[in-house]
Amino acid sequence: MTRYVLPLGIFVALVALLAFGLTLDPREVPSPLIGKPAPQFELPQLHQANKTFSPKELQGKVWVLNVWASWCTGCRDEHSVVTELAKSHLAPVYGLNYKDKREDAISWLERFGDPYDTSIHDADGRVGIDYGVYGVPETYVIDKHGVIRYKRIGALTPEIVKQKIVPIMKELNGA
């Protein structure tokens, strides 16, 4: 009898574990960076390569970092959502152009519109690695102290912005 109970117990436990796993959103991968200072960097701006950008410039502000590329289909899908988020003026939205050719990225923004306060050019992807980028698009909400408070892997949707990002930004801004 015990010979059958142990395998049956293991089987039931595995089924329960798998059933729970199927309820999770794969886009909501827990990031070890949540609650930790955002990695610091200094990169050239996309439109003005002779000027640089550093997150230090945003100390004291809640801001959004959206990782994108001209070759990314998900970035095209979320672009109107990012544009609407930027228009809300709840927080400035900065673009991190990831592993892209500068001229392709500029052309893409000219074609579809540029919602970013500034886009930063991460040609070799080193900053993306520091931020734990799995792939593009990804979006981060960073608080006034430079701490990452939210990370989204994959394209933003109006529902995600309304249900997750806007409440976080309002809370961080004390609104």
Protein backbone atom coordinates (compact mmCIF):
# COMPACT_ATOMS: atom_id res chain seq x y z
CA MET A 1 0.00 0.00 0.00
CA THR A 2 2.79 2.49 0.92
CA ARG A 3 4.41 1.56 -2.31
CA TYR A 4 1.57 3.32 -4.14
CA VAL A 5 0.94 6.20 -1.74
CA LEU A 6 4.38 7.82 -2.08
CA PRO A 7 4.36 7.94 -5.92
CA LEU A 8 0.74 9.10 -5.88
CA GLY A 9 1.63 11.85 -3.38
CA ILE A 10 4.55 13.01 -5.53
CA PHE A 11 2.33 12.99 -8.62
CA VAL A 12 -0.37 15.08 -6.89
CA ALA A 13 2.26 17.56 -5.64
CA LEU A 14 3.71 17.95 -9.16
CA VAL A 15 0.26 18.49 -10.68
CA ALA A 16 -0.51 21.14 -8.05
CA LEU A 17 2.81 22.87 -8.68
CA LEU A 18 2.29 22.87 -12.45
CA ALA A 19 -1.31 24.08 -12.08
CA PHE A 20 -0.12 27.00 -9.95
CA GLY A 21 2.64 27.81 -12.46
CA LEU A 22 0.11 28.02 -15.28
CA THR A 23 -1.75 30.78 -13.43
CA LEU A 24 1.31 33.07 -13.43
CA ASP A 25 1.93 35.73 -16.08
CA PRO A 26 5.25 35.01 -17.81
CA ARG A 27 5.64 38.75 -18.45
CA GLU A 28 5.72 39.39 -14.72
CA VAL A 29 9.08 37.76 -14.07
CA PRO A 30 10.30 38.83 -10.63
CA SER A 31 13.39 40.95 -11.05
CA PRO A 32 16.18 40.98 -8.50
CA LEU A 33 16.49 44.71 -9.26
CA ILE A 34 13.05 45.62 -7.86
CA GLY A 35 13.66 47.67 -4.73
CA LYS A 36 17.31 48.24 -5.60
CA PRO A 37 19.04 51.29 -7.08
CA ALA A 38 18.83 51.48 -10.85
CA PRO A 39 22.22 50.84 -12.45
CA GLN A 40 24.04 54.07 -13.25
CA PHE A 41 25.34 54.77 -16.73
CA GLU A 42 26.29 57.52 -19.11
CA LEU A 43 25.41 57.00 -22.76
CA PRO A 44 25.13 59.19 -25.82
CA GLN A 45 21.73 60.55 -26.69
CA LEU A 46 20.18 59.04 -29.79
CA HIS A 47 19.51 62.31 -31.62
CA GLN A 48 22.61 64.15 -30.40
CA ALA A 49 25.53 61.74 -30.15
CA ASN A 50 27.77 64.52 -28.82
CA LYS A 51 25.52 64.84 -25.72
CA THR A 52 25.20 62.21 -23.03
CA PHE A 53 22.49 61.19 -20.60
CA SER A 54 22.81 59.75 -17.10
CA PRO A 55 20.03 58.73 -14.68
CA LYS A 56 21.73 61.02 -12.14
CA GLU A 57 20.05 63.87 -14.02
CA LEU A 58 16.67 62.56 -12.85
CA GLN A 59 17.33 62.38 -9.11
CA GLY A 60 14.25 63.68 -7.33
CA LYS A 61 11.89 62.64 -10.15
CA VAL A 62 9.80 59.56 -10.80
CA TRP A 63 10.55 58.43 -14.34
CA VAL A 64 9.98 55.63 -16.82
CA LEU A 65 12.67 53.84 -18.83
CA ASN A 66 11.33 52.08 -21.92
CA VAL A 67 13.79 49.74 -23.68
CA TRP A 68 13.06 49.58 -27.41
CA ALA A 69 14.57 48.97 -30.85
CA SER A 70 13.57 49.64 -34.44
CA TRP A 71 13.85 45.91 -35.26
CA CYS A 72 11.47 44.92 -32.43
CA THR A 73 7.91 44.01 -33.45
CA GLY A 74 6.66 44.21 -29.85
CA CYS A 75 7.99 47.76 -29.67
CA ARG A 76 5.82 48.68 -32.63
CA ASP A 77 2.83 47.04 -30.95
CA GLU A 78 3.29 49.03 -27.72
CA HIS A 79 4.32 52.34 -29.31
CA SER A 80 0.88 53.97 -29.15
CA VAL A 81 0.61 52.92 -25.48
CA VAL A 82 4.01 54.46 -24.66
CA THR A 83 2.93 57.60 -26.51
CA GLU A 84 -0.26 57.86 -24.42
CA LEU A 85 1.72 57.23 -21.23
CA ALA A 86 4.10 60.07 -22.13
CA LYS A 87 1.13 62.36 -22.88
CA SER A 88 -0.26 61.72 -19.39
CA HIS A 89 2.69 63.72 -17.93
CA LEU A 90 2.60 61.56 -14.78
CA ALA A 91 6.32 61.01 -15.23
CA PRO A 92 8.86 61.65 -17.97
CA VAL A 93 9.43 58.70 -20.30
CA TYR A 94 12.96 58.00 -21.49
CA GLY A 95 13.82 55.56 -24.23
CA LEU A 96 16.77 53.19 -24.13
CA ASN A 97 17.44 52.26 -27.75
CA TYR A 98 18.88 48.76 -27.43
CA LYS A 99 21.36 47.10 -29.82
CA ASP A 100 20.17 49.15 -32.75
CA LYS A 101 21.70 51.20 -35.55
CA ARG A 102 21.40 54.90 -34.76
CA GLU A 103 20.06 55.82 -38.20
CA ASP A 104 17.44 53.00 -38.11
CA ALA A 105 16.25 54.11 -34.68
CA ILE A 106 15.97 57.77 -35.68
CA SER A 107 14.11 56.83 -38.85
CA TRP A 108 11.72 54.62 -36.84
CA LEU A 109 10.91 57.47 -34.44
CA GLU A 110 10.38 59.86 -37.35
CA ARG A 111 7.97 57.38 -38.93
CA PHE A 112 5.94 56.43 -35.83
CA GLY A 113 6.43 59.46 -33.57
CA ASP A 114 8.79 60.15 -30.71
CA PRO A 115 7.14 59.93 -27.28
CA TYR A 116 10.40 60.11 -25.32
CA ASP A 117 11.78 63.05 -23.40
CA THR A 118 15.14 61.70 -24.57
CA SER A 119 16.28 58.48 -26.18
CA ILE A 120 19.61 57.05 -25.18
CA HIS A 121 21.63 54.89 -27.57
CA ASP A 122 22.84 51.58 -26.09
CA ALA A 123 24.48 50.24 -29.26
CA ASP A 124 26.32 47.32 -27.66
CA GLY A 125 23.63 46.49 -25.09
CA ARG A 126 25.83 46.87 -22.01
CA VAL A 127 23.37 49.04 -20.12
CA GLY A 128 20.58 46.64 -21.04
CA ILE A 129 22.62 43.84 -19.48
CA ASP A 130 23.07 45.89 -16.30
CA TYR A 131 19.29 46.34 -16.14
CA GLY A 132 18.68 42.63 -16.66
CA VAL A 133 16.98 43.07 -20.02
CA TYR A 134 15.66 39.73 -21.29
CA GLY A 135 14.59 41.21 -24.60
CA VAL A 136 12.78 44.20 -25.94
CA PRO A 137 10.47 45.82 -25.16
CA GLU A 138 10.87 46.21 -21.43
CA THR A 139 9.72 49.02 -19.18
CA TYR A 140 10.91 50.18 -15.75
CA VAL A 141 9.43 52.65 -13.29
CA ILE A 142 12.13 54.35 -11.22
CA ASP A 143 11.40 56.41 -8.12
CA LYS A 144 12.72 59.78 -6.93
CA HIS A 145 15.66 58.10 -5.20
CA GLY A 146 16.71 56.15 -8.30
CA VAL A 147 15.24 52.85 -7.10
CA ILE A 148 13.52 50.49 -9.55
CA ARG A 149 9.92 49.99 -8.40
CA TYR A 150 8.44 48.09 -11.36
CA LYS A 151 9.62 46.09 -14.35
CA ARG A 152 7.54 44.88 -17.29
CA ILE A 153 8.90 42.37 -19.77
CA GLY A 154 7.12 42.60 -23.11
CA ALA A 155 4.85 45.11 -24.74
CA LEU A 156 2.82 47.49 -22.62
CA THR A 157 -0.94 47.40 -23.05
CA PRO A 158 -3.50 50.02 -22.01
CA GLU A 159 -4.64 47.64 -19.25
CA ILE A 160 -1.14 47.25 -17.81
CA VAL A 161 -0.59 51.00 -17.83
CA LYS A 162 -3.96 51.64 -16.18
CA GLN A 163 -3.81 48.81 -13.62
CA LYS A 164 -0.11 48.75 -12.73
CA ILE A 165 2.01 51.64 -13.98
CA VAL A 166 -0.28 54.61 -13.36
CA PRO A 167 -1.08 53.60 -9.75
CA ILE A 168 2.63 53.08 -9.03
CA MET A 169 3.54 56.46 -10.54
CA LYS A 170 0.74 58.22 -8.62
CA GLU A 171 1.83 56.60 -5.37
CA LEU A 172 5.49 57.48 -5.94
CA ASN A 173 4.54 61.06 -6.81
CA GLY A 174 2.35 61.33 -3.71
CA ALA A 175 -0.77 61.98 -5.77
